[in-house]
Amino acid sequence: MKTEYLSIKLIEQKEKTNVYEISSRLHGFKLGIIKWFPRWRQYSFFPESQTIYSYDCLEYISNFIKKLKEQHA
C-alpha cells in the first residue's frame, strides 16, 4: 500500500499474524513496523527512534491497523 508519503509492505508472514514495514516514499528509509503485540492482543505500530509524523500519516497508519484488526477477527 502506498500514499503520497508512505509505503507499507509485508516483510514477514507468521503462522497467524504478519509484520509490515513502513517507509518513507520520498527518502526510502524505514519509519517503523506494524506487528502483533500479544499483551494487547492486537496489531500495534512500533516507530523507529527519532521519527516524526504528521496527523495524516498517523491517521493512515491507524486506518491500516484497523483493517488488519478486522481481518484478524
Protein backbone atom coordinates (compact mmCIF):
# COMPACT_ATOMS: atom_id res chain seq x y z
CA MET A 1 0.00 0.00 0.00
CA LYS A 2 1.20 3.48 -0.76
CA THR A 3 0.22 7.04 0.00
CA GLU A 4 1.87 10.18 -1.23
CA TYR A 5 4.45 9.93 1.56
CA LEU A 6 4.32 6.39 3.00
CA SER A 7 4.82 2.88 1.72
CA ILE A 8 3.67 -0.18 3.67
CA LYS A 9 4.90 -3.59 2.64
CA LEU A 10 4.59 -7.08 4.06
CA ILE A 11 8.01 -8.22 5.30
CA GLU A 12 7.18 -11.37 7.26
CA GLN A 13 4.32 -13.86 7.26
CA LYS A 14 3.96 -15.74 10.51
CA GLU A 15 1.55 -18.58 11.22
CA LYS A 16 -1.27 -16.34 12.46
CA THR A 17 -0.03 -12.76 12.02
CA ASN A 18 2.11 -10.66 9.69
CA VAL A 19 4.77 -7.98 10.05
CA TYR A 20 4.68 -4.84 7.89
CA GLU A 21 7.37 -2.23 7.31
CA ILE A 22 6.50 1.43 6.91
CA SER A 23 8.97 3.50 4.93
CA SER A 24 9.24 6.99 3.52
CA ARG A 25 8.46 7.11 -0.19
CA LEU A 26 10.47 10.31 -0.56
CA HIS A 27 13.66 9.17 1.18
CA GLY A 28 13.20 5.39 1.28
CA PHE A 29 14.19 4.93 4.91
CA LYS A 30 12.38 2.76 7.43
CA LEU A 31 9.99 4.61 9.73
CA GLY A 32 8.76 1.66 11.76
CA ILE A 33 6.90 -1.63 11.72
CA ILE A 34 3.39 -2.85 12.40
CA LYS A 35 3.21 -6.21 14.11
CA TRP A 36 1.09 -8.20 16.54
CA PHE A 37 1.52 -7.17 20.18
CA PRO A 38 0.46 -10.21 22.23
CA ARG A 39 -0.02 -8.39 25.53
CA TRP A 40 -2.68 -6.14 23.97
CA ARG A 41 -3.90 -8.87 21.57
CA GLN A 42 -3.83 -6.51 18.60
CA TYR A 43 -1.60 -5.07 15.90
CA SER A 44 0.47 -2.07 17.01
CA PHE A 45 2.85 0.43 15.45
CA PHE A 46 6.49 0.35 16.57
CA PRO A 47 8.16 3.55 15.29
CA GLU A 48 11.88 3.92 14.77
CA SER A 49 13.54 6.35 17.17
CA GLN A 50 13.89 9.97 16.07
CA THR A 51 10.96 9.77 13.63
CA ILE A 52 8.25 12.41 13.44
CA TYR A 53 4.75 12.03 11.97
CA SER A 54 2.07 14.40 10.78
CA TYR A 55 -1.54 13.76 11.73
CA ASP A 56 -2.43 12.48 8.26
CA CYS A 57 0.42 9.94 8.29
CA LEU A 58 -0.68 8.74 11.72
CA GLU A 59 -4.26 8.55 10.50
CA TYR A 60 -3.19 6.39 7.55
CA ILE A 61 -1.20 4.08 9.85
CA SER A 62 -4.17 3.89 12.22
CA ASN A 63 -6.58 3.04 9.40
CA PHE A 64 -4.22 0.31 8.16
CA ILE A 65 -4.12 -1.20 11.66
CA LYS A 66 -7.94 -1.07 11.83
CA LYS A 67 -8.13 -3.07 8.58
CA LEU A 68 -5.69 -5.64 9.99
CA LYS A 69 -7.82 -5.91 13.12
CA GLU A 70 -10.94 -6.57 11.05
CA GLN A 71 -9.15 -9.24 9.03
CA HIS A 72 -7.76 -10.90 12.16
CA ALA A 73 -11.12 -11.15 13.94
